[in-house]
């Protein structure tokens, strides 16, 4: 029975040795947080303090992507966040000393944009196109910790398509297909960088008459070619029209009319003159057009 105390002593020693690495691992994780030498913090979005966005939840971007690039344009590090994350609106980087370009993209798509190329930050039809905000800055990173405050600004254009007449009973979906804009943008300019065919399809409900179509224009002003197709419950085209819609960066084009009661042959903006401008506190302007 003399060996029992010895076994007990060995067991205690093994237990202590197992506990020690776990404590060190936790300490290492804390150390990594403390060792970050660059904290990127969102100060405001479109003149609205970020704290107000997070409190109200109204029109708040649901995703934020932060990316650091070296001066040759190579991505070094990317951090993606979703609303609800404890650190939403603030990202911590641990980077080798040097000069970097920091890009912050705030949006509400169903996934994170592809950010490999500074000149082609891209969303897809599957992700969806949403209100999008961009901040770009150059920062000199040292071994000392620093905080960079950024204020992303809107870079999209919005076509708000409004159906003013009643839906036929057999219509189940509306399909929007538009070209002339871009699903990707150049971080240096905030303008579209590819020629995209953008699409959105929605289920028709009685109360929904407005549909928001976002794009990145190739210049501050442009025109999109818009095809709107009504699809019945059997997947057959019930009605289709073509439009040309004038757009401007950071502005809303409200494009409204009797989609089903029109001539059905493809209305254009030739008969859709601007009837009013409403300045929006969040957007730079809202232009109203009507079609027949």
C-alpha atoms as a PDB file:
ATOM      1  CA  UNK A   1       0.000   0.000   0.000  1.00  0.00           C
ATOM      2  CA  UNK A   2       3.038   2.297   0.151  1.00  0.00           C
ATOM      3  CA  UNK A   3       2.692   3.076  -3.575  1.00  0.00           C
ATOM      4  CA  UNK A   4      -0.739   4.802  -3.149  1.00  0.00           C
ATOM      5  CA  UNK A   5       0.627   8.179  -1.953  1.00  0.00           C
ATOM      6  CA  UNK A   6       3.173   8.080  -4.767  1.00  0.00           C
ATOM      7  CA  UNK A   7       0.445   7.488  -7.349  1.00  0.00           C
ATOM      8  CA  UNK A   8      -1.629  10.288  -5.857  1.00  0.00           C
ATOM      9  CA  UNK A   9       1.360  12.641  -6.038  1.00  0.00           C
ATOM     10  CA  UNK A  10       1.992  11.732  -9.690  1.00  0.00           C
ATOM     11  CA  UNK A  11      -1.684  12.284 -10.541  1.00  0.00           C
ATOM     12  CA  UNK A  12      -1.622  15.759  -9.012  1.00  0.00           C
ATOM     13  CA  UNK A  13       1.554  16.635 -10.905  1.00  0.00           C
ATOM     14  CA  UNK A  14       0.022  15.484 -14.213  1.00  0.00           C
ATOM     15  CA  UNK A  15      -3.161  17.487 -13.544  1.00  0.00           C
ATOM     16  CA  UNK A  16      -1.129  20.620 -12.855  1.00  0.00           C
ATOM     17  CA  UNK A  17       0.943  20.132 -16.013  1.00  0.00           C
ATOM     18  CA  UNK A  18      -2.245  19.779 -18.081  1.00  0.00           C
ATOM     19  CA  UNK A  19      -3.735  22.967 -16.681  1.00  0.00           C
ATOM     20  CA  UNK A  20      -0.744  25.182 -17.339  1.00  0.00           C
ATOM     21  CA  UNK A  21      -0.811  25.220 -21.193  1.00  0.00           C
ATOM     22  CA  UNK A  22      -4.534  26.057 -21.183  1.00  0.00           C
ATOM     23  CA  UNK A  23      -3.876  29.124 -19.044  1.00  0.00           C
ATOM     24  CA  UNK A  24      -1.000  30.166 -21.271  1.00  0.00           C
ATOM     25  CA  UNK A  25      -3.161  29.735 -24.388  1.00  0.00           C
ATOM     26  CA  UNK A  26      -5.799  32.084 -22.967  1.00  0.00           C
ATOM     27  CA  UNK A  27      -3.093  34.578 -22.042  1.00  0.00           C
ATOM     28  CA  UNK A  28      -1.690  34.381 -25.569  1.00  0.00           C
ATOM     29  CA  UNK A  29      -5.109  35.203 -27.044  1.00  0.00           C
ATOM     30  CA  UNK A  30      -5.415  38.217 -24.764  1.00  0.00           C
ATOM     31  CA  UNK A  31      -1.886  39.243 -25.673  1.00  0.00           C
ATOM     32  CA  UNK A  32      -2.745  39.141 -29.386  1.00  0.00           C
ATOM     33  CA  UNK A  33      -5.624  41.550 -28.752  1.00  0.00           C
ATOM     34  CA  UNK A  34      -3.380  43.870 -26.788  1.00  0.00           C
ATOM     35  CA  UNK A  35      -0.608  43.639 -29.385  1.00  0.00           C
ATOM     36  CA  UNK A  36      -2.721  45.014 -32.256  1.00  0.00           C
ATOM     37  CA  UNK A  37      -0.922  48.091 -33.531  1.00  0.00           C
ATOM     38  CA  UNK A  38      -3.806  49.509 -35.604  1.00  0.00           C
ATOM     39  CA  UNK A  39      -7.433  49.909 -34.588  1.00  0.00           C
ATOM     40  CA  UNK A  40      -9.833  51.078 -37.295  1.00  0.00           C
ATOM     41  CA  UNK A  41     -12.965  52.665 -35.855  1.00  0.00           C
ATOM     42  CA  UNK A  42     -16.004  53.979 -37.745  1.00  0.00           C
ATOM     43  CA  UNK A  43     -16.753  57.500 -36.563  1.00  0.00           C
ATOM     44  CA  UNK A  44     -19.809  58.312 -38.673  1.00  0.00           C
ATOM     45  CA  UNK A  45     -21.648  57.312 -41.850  1.00  0.00           C
ATOM     46  CA  UNK A  46     -23.055  60.083 -44.039  1.00  0.00           C
ATOM     47  CA  UNK A  47     -22.942  62.732 -41.312  1.00  0.00           C
ATOM     48  CA  UNK A  48     -24.661  60.401 -38.834  1.00  0.00           C
ATOM     49  CA  UNK A  49     -22.547  59.258 -35.857  1.00  0.00           C
ATOM     50  CA  UNK A  50     -22.085  55.497 -35.956  1.00  0.00           C
ATOM     51  CA  UNK A  51     -23.453  55.185 -32.424  1.00  0.00           C
ATOM     52  CA  UNK A  52     -26.799  56.582 -33.621  1.00  0.00           C
ATOM     53  CA  UNK A  53     -26.949  53.999 -36.403  1.00  0.00           C
ATOM     54  CA  UNK A  54     -26.363  51.164 -33.963  1.00  0.00           C
ATOM     55  CA  UNK A  55     -28.968  52.497 -31.519  1.00  0.00           C
ATOM     56  CA  UNK A  56     -31.756  53.095 -34.028  1.00  0.00           C
ATOM     57  CA  UNK A  57     -31.009  50.103 -36.303  1.00  0.00           C
ATOM     58  CA  UNK A  58     -32.698  52.131 -39.082  1.00  0.00           C
ATOM     59  CA  UNK A  59     -30.918  51.875 -42.431  1.00  0.00           C
ATOM     60  CA  UNK A  60     -27.854  50.555 -40.621  1.00  0.00           C
ATOM     61  CA  UNK A  61     -25.426  48.518 -42.757  1.00  0.00           C
ATOM     62  CA  UNK A  62     -25.515  44.911 -41.604  1.00  0.00           C
ATOM     63  CA  UNK A  63     -21.960  44.052 -42.690  1.00  0.00           C
ATOM     64  CA  UNK A  64     -18.597  45.800 -42.626  1.00  0.00           C
ATOM     65  CA  UNK A  65     -15.425  44.630 -44.373  1.00  0.00           C
ATOM     66  CA  UNK A  66     -12.017  46.103 -43.552  1.00  0.00           C
ATOM     67  CA  UNK A  67      -8.973  45.396 -45.714  1.00  0.00           C
ATOM     68  CA  UNK A  68      -5.336  46.476 -45.502  1.00  0.00           C
ATOM     69  CA  UNK A  69      -3.217  46.611 -48.682  1.00  0.00           C
ATOM     70  CA  UNK A  70       0.464  47.296 -49.146  1.00  0.00           C
ATOM     71  CA  UNK A  71       1.469  50.183 -51.414  1.00  0.00           C
ATOM     72  CA  UNK A  72       1.714  47.811 -54.393  1.00  0.00           C
ATOM     73  CA  UNK A  73      -1.985  47.025 -53.971  1.00  0.00           C
ATOM     74  CA  UNK A  74      -1.561  43.531 -52.530  1.00  0.00           C
ATOM     75  CA  UNK A  75      -4.109  42.672 -49.846  1.00  0.00           C
ATOM     76  CA  UNK A  76      -2.384  41.879 -46.564  1.00  0.00           C
ATOM     77  CA  UNK A  77      -5.307  41.357 -44.203  1.00  0.00           C
ATOM     78  CA  UNK A  78      -9.125  41.432 -44.323  1.00  0.00           C
ATOM     79  CA  UNK A  79     -11.589  41.470 -41.426  1.00  0.00           C
ATOM     80  CA  UNK A  80     -15.335  40.938 -41.921  1.00  0.00           C
ATOM     81  CA  UNK A  81     -18.021  41.785 -39.379  1.00  0.00           C
ATOM     82  CA  UNK A  82     -21.789  41.372 -39.063  1.00  0.00           C
ATOM     83  CA  UNK A  83     -24.167  43.522 -37.042  1.00  0.00           C
ATOM     84  CA  UNK A  84     -24.536  41.984 -33.637  1.00  0.00           C
ATOM     85  CA  UNK A  85     -20.825  41.254 -33.301  1.00  0.00           C
ATOM     86  CA  UNK A  86     -19.466  42.621 -30.036  1.00  0.00           C
ATOM     87  CA  UNK A  87     -16.847  44.726 -31.834  1.00  0.00           C
ATOM     88  CA  UNK A  88     -19.067  45.801 -34.760  1.00  0.00           C
ATOM     89  CA  UNK A  89     -17.695  49.063 -36.131  1.00  0.00           C
ATOM     90  CA  UNK A  90     -14.163  48.544 -34.827  1.00  0.00           C
ATOM     91  CA  UNK A  91     -11.440  46.279 -36.230  1.00  0.00           C
ATOM     92  CA  UNK A  92      -7.991  45.505 -34.824  1.00  0.00           C
ATOM     93  CA  UNK A  93      -4.990  44.769 -37.038  1.00  0.00           C
ATOM     94  CA  UNK A  94      -1.528  43.507 -36.168  1.00  0.00           C
ATOM     95  CA  UNK A  95       0.616  44.542 -39.154  1.00  0.00           C
ATOM     96  CA  UNK A  96       4.352  44.746 -39.816  1.00  0.00           C
ATOM     97  CA  UNK A  97       5.546  48.372 -39.721  1.00  0.00           C
ATOM     98  CA  UNK A  98       5.055  50.103 -43.058  1.00  0.00           C
ATOM     99  CA  UNK A  99       2.650  52.169 -45.137  1.00  0.00           C
ATOM    100  CA  UNK A 100      -0.757  50.708 -45.943  1.00  0.00           C
ATOM    101  CA  UNK A 101      -3.951  51.584 -47.725  1.00  0.00           C
ATOM    102  CA  UNK A 102      -7.000  50.918 -45.570  1.00  0.00           C
ATOM    103  CA  UNK A 103     -10.350  50.251 -47.246  1.00  0.00           C
ATOM    104  CA  UNK A 104     -13.617  50.009 -45.310  1.00  0.00           C
ATOM    105  CA  UNK A 105     -16.844  48.893 -47.035  1.00  0.00           C
ATOM    106  CA  UNK A 106     -20.177  48.999 -45.172  1.00  0.00           C
ATOM    107  CA  UNK A 107     -23.202  47.349 -46.817  1.00  0.00           C
ATOM    108  CA  UNK A 108     -26.162  45.020 -46.280  1.00  0.00           C
ATOM    109  CA  UNK A 109     -25.562  42.298 -48.880  1.00  0.00           C
ATOM    110  CA  UNK A 110     -25.982  38.600 -48.136  1.00  0.00           C
ATOM    111  CA  UNK A 111     -22.220  38.032 -48.202  1.00  0.00           C
ATOM    112  CA  UNK A 112     -18.875  39.792 -48.098  1.00  0.00           C
ATOM    113  CA  UNK A 113     -17.524  41.449 -51.255  1.00  0.00           C
ATOM    114  CA  UNK A 114     -14.499  40.091 -53.082  1.00  0.00           C
ATOM    115  CA  UNK A 115     -11.707  42.494 -52.100  1.00  0.00           C
ATOM    116  CA  UNK A 116      -8.616  40.873 -53.616  1.00  0.00           C
ATOM    117  CA  UNK A 117      -8.201  43.701 -56.131  1.00  0.00           C
ATOM    118  CA  UNK A 118      -8.362  47.369 -55.045  1.00  0.00           C
ATOM    119  CA  UNK A 119      -9.642  48.286 -58.490  1.00  0.00           C
ATOM    120  CA  UNK A 120     -12.410  45.680 -58.496  1.00  0.00           C
ATOM    121  CA  UNK A 121     -14.201  45.285 -55.193  1.00  0.00           C
ATOM    122  CA  UNK A 122     -17.128  43.185 -56.297  1.00  0.00           C
ATOM    123  CA  UNK A 123     -20.611  42.062 -55.254  1.00  0.00           C
ATOM    124  CA  UNK A 124     -22.650  39.453 -57.124  1.00  0.00           C
ATOM    125  CA  UNK A 125     -26.296  38.985 -58.095  1.00  0.00           C
ATOM    126  CA  UNK A 126     -26.513  36.151 -55.573  1.00  0.00           C
ATOM    127  CA  UNK A 127     -25.333  38.418 -52.763  1.00  0.00           C
ATOM    128  CA  UNK A 128     -27.598  41.272 -53.819  1.00  0.00           C
ATOM    129  CA  UNK A 129     -26.787  44.962 -54.252  1.00  0.00           C
ATOM    130  CA  UNK A 130     -27.499  47.328 -51.382  1.00  0.00           C
ATOM    131  CA  UNK A 131     -26.754  50.773 -50.059  1.00  0.00           C
ATOM    132  CA  UNK A 132     -22.943  50.804 -49.902  1.00  0.00           C
ATOM    133  CA  UNK A 133     -20.489  53.096 -48.141  1.00  0.00           C
ATOM    134  CA  UNK A 134     -16.737  53.441 -48.656  1.00  0.00           C
ATOM    135  CA  UNK A 135     -13.802  54.897 -46.751  1.00  0.00           C
ATOM    136  CA  UNK A 136     -10.210  54.823 -48.012  1.00  0.00           C
ATOM    137  CA  UNK A 137      -7.174  56.072 -46.115  1.00  0.00           C
ATOM    138  CA  UNK A 138      -3.396  55.747 -46.089  1.00  0.00           C
ATOM    139  CA  UNK A 139      -1.794  55.001 -42.744  1.00  0.00           C
ATOM    140  CA  UNK A 140       1.772  54.631 -41.501  1.00  0.00           C
ATOM    141  CA  UNK A 141       1.901  51.652 -39.142  1.00  0.00           C
ATOM    142  CA  UNK A 142       4.623  51.441 -36.475  1.00  0.00           C
ATOM    143  CA  UNK A 143       5.206  49.217 -33.467  1.00  0.00           C
ATOM    144  CA  UNK A 144       3.135  51.665 -31.407  1.00  0.00           C
ATOM    145  CA  UNK A 145      -0.625  51.225 -31.162  1.00  0.00           C
ATOM    146  CA  UNK A 146      -2.800  53.795 -32.925  1.00  0.00           C
ATOM    147  CA  UNK A 147      -6.463  54.325 -33.792  1.00  0.00           C
ATOM    148  CA  UNK A 148      -7.678  55.448 -37.193  1.00  0.00           C
ATOM    149  CA  UNK A 149     -11.190  56.932 -37.325  1.00  0.00           C
ATOM    150  CA  UNK A 150     -12.945  56.669 -40.689  1.00  0.00           C
ATOM    151  CA  UNK A 151     -16.230  58.057 -42.052  1.00  0.00           C
ATOM    152  CA  UNK A 152     -17.533  55.952 -44.963  1.00  0.00           C
ATOM    153  CA  UNK A 153     -19.536  57.820 -47.624  1.00  0.00           C
ATOM    154  CA  UNK A 154     -22.226  56.495 -49.961  1.00  0.00           C
ATOM    155  CA  UNK A 155     -20.958  55.511 -53.427  1.00  0.00           C
ATOM    156  CA  UNK A 156     -24.023  53.877 -55.004  1.00  0.00           C
ATOM    157  CA  UNK A 157     -26.852  55.187 -57.166  1.00  0.00           C
ATOM    158  CA  UNK A 158     -30.409  54.056 -56.521  1.00  0.00           C
ATOM    159  CA  UNK A 159     -33.296  53.521 -58.932  1.00  0.00           C
ATOM    160  CA  UNK A 160     -36.521  53.290 -56.923  1.00  0.00           C
ATOM    161  CA  UNK A 161     -38.948  51.621 -59.316  1.00  0.00           C
ATOM    162  CA  UNK A 162     -42.569  52.239 -58.304  1.00  0.00           C
ATOM    163  CA  UNK A 163     -45.599  50.400 -59.714  1.00  0.00           C
ATOM    164  CA  UNK A 164     -48.643  52.674 -59.440  1.00  0.00           C
ATOM    165  CA  UNK A 165     -51.315  50.334 -60.849  1.00  0.00           C
ATOM    166  CA  UNK A 166     -52.726  47.067 -59.484  1.00  0.00           C
ATOM    167  CA  UNK A 167     -51.043  43.712 -60.017  1.00  0.00           C
ATOM    168  CA  UNK A 168     -52.905  41.266 -62.260  1.00  0.00           C
ATOM    169  CA  UNK A 169     -54.033  38.231 -60.257  1.00  0.00           C
ATOM    170  CA  UNK A 170     -51.804  35.808 -62.153  1.00  0.00           C
ATOM    171  CA  UNK A 171     -48.541  37.718 -61.536  1.00  0.00           C
ATOM    172  CA  UNK A 172     -46.273  36.015 -58.972  1.00  0.00           C
ATOM    173  CA  UNK A 173     -42.858  37.647 -59.459  1.00  0.00           C
ATOM    174  CA  UNK A 174     -41.141  40.694 -60.871  1.00  0.00           C
ATOM    175  CA  UNK A 175     -37.712  40.238 -62.429  1.00  0.00           C
ATOM    176  CA  UNK A 176     -35.423  43.260 -62.874  1.00  0.00           C
ATOM    177  CA  UNK A 177     -32.449  43.078 -65.241  1.00  0.00           C
ATOM    178  CA  UNK A 178     -30.321  46.180 -65.789  1.00  0.00           C
ATOM    179  CA  UNK A 179     -27.084  47.138 -67.499  1.00  0.00           C
ATOM    180  CA  UNK A 180     -25.104  50.340 -67.805  1.00  0.00           C
ATOM    181  CA  UNK A 181     -23.873  50.309 -64.228  1.00  0.00           C
ATOM    182  CA  UNK A 182     -21.521  47.989 -62.377  1.00  0.00           C
ATOM    183  CA  UNK A 183     -21.589  45.392 -59.629  1.00  0.00           C
ATOM    184  CA  UNK A 184     -17.964  46.232 -58.771  1.00  0.00           C
ATOM    185  CA  UNK A 185     -16.179  49.475 -57.936  1.00  0.00           C
ATOM    186  CA  UNK A 186     -12.690  50.931 -57.861  1.00  0.00           C
ATOM    187  CA  UNK A 187     -11.724  51.786 -54.283  1.00  0.00           C
ATOM    188  CA  UNK A 188      -9.655  54.739 -55.480  1.00  0.00           C
ATOM    189  CA  UNK A 189     -12.624  56.484 -57.134  1.00  0.00           C
ATOM    190  CA  UNK A 190     -15.759  54.828 -55.761  1.00  0.00           C
ATOM    191  CA  UNK A 191     -16.982  54.436 -59.364  1.00  0.00           C
ATOM    192  CA  UNK A 192     -17.976  51.283 -61.226  1.00  0.00           C
ATOM    193  CA  UNK A 193     -15.091  49.306 -62.692  1.00  0.00           C
ATOM    194  CA  UNK A 194     -16.749  46.548 -64.767  1.00  0.00           C
ATOM    195  CA  UNK A 195     -19.686  46.297 -67.172  1.00  0.00           C
ATOM    196  CA  UNK A 196     -22.227  44.249 -65.273  1.00  0.00           C
ATOM    197  CA  UNK A 197     -25.558  42.661 -65.975  1.00  0.00           C
ATOM    198  CA  UNK A 198     -27.299  43.115 -62.623  1.00  0.00           C
ATOM    199  CA  UNK A 199     -30.450  41.270 -61.664  1.00  0.00           C
ATOM    200  CA  UNK A 200     -33.003  41.071 -58.883  1.00  0.00           C
ATOM    201  CA  UNK A 201     -36.145  38.946 -58.614  1.00  0.00           C
ATOM    202  CA  UNK A 202     -38.840  39.461 -55.993  1.00  0.00           C
ATOM    203  CA  UNK A 203     -42.087  37.809 -54.985  1.00  0.00           C
ATOM    204  CA  UNK A 204     -45.124  40.005 -55.630  1.00  0.00           C
ATOM    205  CA  UNK A 205     -47.199  40.974 -52.613  1.00  0.00           C
ATOM    206  CA  UNK A 206     -50.201  43.281 -52.655  1.00  0.00           C
ATOM    207  CA  UNK A 207     -48.684  45.912 -50.402  1.00  0.00           C
ATOM    208  CA  UNK A 208     -45.260  46.122 -52.016  1.00  0.00           C
ATOM    209  CA  UNK A 209     -45.073  48.623 -54.854  1.00  0.00           C
ATOM    210  CA  UNK A 210     -41.525  50.030 -54.513  1.00  0.00           C
ATOM    211  CA  UNK A 211     -38.362  48.190 -55.532  1.00  0.00           C
ATOM    212  CA  UNK A 212     -34.824  49.467 -54.935  1.00  0.00           C
ATOM    213  CA  UNK A 213     -32.179  48.780 -57.586  1.00  0.00           C
ATOM    214  CA  UNK A 214     -28.606  49.746 -56.671  1.00  0.00           C
ATOM    215  CA  UNK A 215     -25.623  50.159 -58.965  1.00  0.00           C
ATOM    216  CA  UNK A 216     -22.138  51.695 -59.115  1.00  0.00           C
ATOM    217  CA  UNK A 217     -22.080  54.152 -62.012  1.00  0.00           C
ATOM    218  CA  UNK A 218     -18.987  54.487 -64.203  1.00  0.00           C
ATOM    219  CA  UNK A 219     -19.152  58.280 -63.808  1.00  0.00           C
ATOM    220  CA  UNK A 220     -21.052  60.738 -61.621  1.00  0.00           C
ATOM    221  CA  UNK A 221     -24.009  60.589 -64.008  1.00  0.00           C
ATOM    222  CA  UNK A 222     -25.238  57.858 -66.329  1.00  0.00           C
ATOM    223  CA  UNK A 223     -28.164  55.848 -67.644  1.00  0.00           C
ATOM    224  CA  UNK A 224     -29.147  52.264 -67.001  1.00  0.00           C
ATOM    225  CA  UNK A 225     -31.094  50.073 -69.420  1.00  0.00           C
ATOM    226  CA  UNK A 226     -33.785  48.414 -67.342  1.00  0.00           C
ATOM    227  CA  UNK A 227     -35.908  45.434 -68.322  1.00  0.00           C
ATOM    228  CA  UNK A 228     -38.814  44.651 -65.999  1.00  0.00           C
ATOM    229  CA  UNK A 229     -40.566  41.306 -66.445  1.00  0.00           C
ATOM    230  CA  UNK A 230     -43.734  40.121 -64.716  1.00  0.00           C
ATOM    231  CA  UNK A 231     -43.816  36.322 -64.337  1.00  0.00           C
ATOM    232  CA  UNK A 232     -46.953  34.307 -63.612  1.00  0.00           C
ATOM    233  CA  UNK A 233     -47.356  31.384 -61.217  1.00  0.00           C
ATOM    234  CA  UNK A 234     -46.334  28.906 -63.929  1.00  0.00           C
ATOM    235  CA  UNK A 235     -43.077  30.710 -64.669  1.00  0.00           C
ATOM    236  CA  UNK A 236     -44.383  32.206 -67.930  1.00  0.00           C
ATOM    237  CA  UNK A 237     -43.772  35.844 -68.883  1.00  0.00           C
ATOM    238  CA  UNK A 238     -47.020  37.764 -68.363  1.00  0.00           C
ATOM    239  CA  UNK A 239     -45.764  41.276 -69.160  1.00  0.00           C
ATOM    240  CA  UNK A 240     -42.435  42.896 -70.016  1.00  0.00           C
ATOM    241  CA  UNK A 241     -41.209  46.443 -70.599  1.00  0.00           C
ATOM    242  CA  UNK A 242     -37.920  48.205 -71.310  1.00  0.00           C
ATOM    243  CA  UNK A 243     -36.849  51.547 -69.832  1.00  0.00           C
ATOM    244  CA  UNK A 244     -33.899  53.897 -69.891  1.00  0.00           C
ATOM    245  CA  UNK A 245     -33.423  55.422 -66.467  1.00  0.00           C
ATOM    246  CA  UNK A 246     -31.186  58.454 -65.799  1.00  0.00           C
ATOM    247  CA  UNK A 247     -29.056  58.065 -62.680  1.00  0.00           C
ATOM    248  CA  UNK A 248     -26.569  60.069 -60.625  1.00  0.00           C
ATOM    249  CA  UNK A 249     -24.042  58.961 -58.014  1.00  0.00           C
ATOM    250  CA  UNK A 250     -25.250  59.288 -54.413  1.00  0.00           C
ATOM    251  CA  UNK A 251     -28.745  60.161 -55.594  1.00  0.00           C
ATOM    252  CA  UNK A 252     -32.128  58.464 -55.909  1.00  0.00           C
ATOM    253  CA  UNK A 253     -34.069  58.262 -59.160  1.00  0.00           C
ATOM    254  CA  UNK A 254     -37.713  57.615 -58.296  1.00  0.00           C
ATOM    255  CA  UNK A 255     -39.119  56.041 -61.462  1.00  0.00           C
ATOM    256  CA  UNK A 256     -42.871  55.473 -61.248  1.00  0.00           C
ATOM    257  CA  UNK A 257     -45.885  54.764 -63.419  1.00  0.00           C
ATOM    258  CA  UNK A 258     -48.615  52.279 -64.430  1.00  0.00           C
ATOM    259  CA  UNK A 259     -46.443  49.311 -65.387  1.00  0.00           C
ATOM    260  CA  UNK A 260     -49.304  47.005 -66.348  1.00  0.00           C
ATOM    261  CA  UNK A 261     -51.672  49.676 -67.681  1.00  0.00           C
ATOM    262  CA  UNK A 262     -49.164  51.305 -70.037  1.00  0.00           C
ATOM    263  CA  UNK A 263     -48.766  50.650 -73.733  1.00  0.00           C
ATOM    264  CA  UNK A 264     -46.914  47.383 -72.988  1.00  0.00           C
ATOM    265  CA  UNK A 265     -44.465  48.067 -75.770  1.00  0.00           C
ATOM    266  CA  UNK A 266     -41.562  49.326 -73.742  1.00  0.00           C
ATOM    267  CA  UNK A 267     -41.789  52.843 -72.390  1.00  0.00           C
ATOM    268  CA  UNK A 268     -38.738  55.104 -72.333  1.00  0.00           C
ATOM    269  CA  UNK A 269     -37.775  58.262 -70.523  1.00  0.00           C
ATOM    270  CA  UNK A 270     -38.585  60.296 -73.678  1.00  0.00           C
ATOM    271  CA  UNK A 271     -42.052  60.695 -72.171  1.00  0.00           C
ATOM    272  CA  UNK A 272     -40.861  60.751 -68.553  1.00  0.00           C
ATOM    273  CA  UNK A 273     -39.639  64.218 -67.677  1.00  0.00           C
ATOM    274  CA  UNK A 274     -38.514  65.181 -64.200  1.00  0.00           C
ATOM    275  CA  UNK A 275     -41.439  66.500 -62.208  1.00  0.00           C
ATOM    276  CA  UNK A 276     -39.705  67.366 -58.972  1.00  0.00           C
ATOM    277  CA  UNK A 277     -36.636  67.138 -56.764  1.00  0.00           C
ATOM    278  CA  UNK A 278     -36.765  66.322 -53.057  1.00  0.00           C
ATOM    279  CA  UNK A 279     -33.594  66.729 -51.013  1.00  0.00           C
ATOM    280  CA  UNK A 280     -33.091  63.773 -48.716  1.00  0.00           C
ATOM    281  CA  UNK A 281     -31.115  64.100 -45.478  1.00  0.00           C
ATOM    282  CA  UNK A 282     -29.329  60.813 -46.168  1.00  0.00           C
ATOM    283  CA  UNK A 283     -28.958  61.093 -49.950  1.00  0.00           C
ATOM    284  CA  UNK A 284     -27.779  64.118 -51.927  1.00  0.00           C
ATOM    285  CA  UNK A 285     -31.000  64.296 -53.924  1.00  0.00           C
ATOM    286  CA  UNK A 286     -34.103  62.467 -55.088  1.00  0.00           C
ATOM    287  CA  UNK A 287     -35.249  62.912 -58.693  1.00  0.00           C
ATOM    288  CA  UNK A 288     -38.801  61.998 -59.698  1.00  0.00           C
ATOM    289  CA  UNK A 289     -39.627  60.597 -63.145  1.00  0.00           C
ATOM    290  CA  UNK A 290     -42.903  59.155 -64.396  1.00  0.00           C
ATOM    291  CA  UNK A 291     -43.538  56.719 -67.229  1.00  0.00           C
ATOM    292  CA  UNK A 292     -46.757  55.884 -69.090  1.00  0.00           C
END
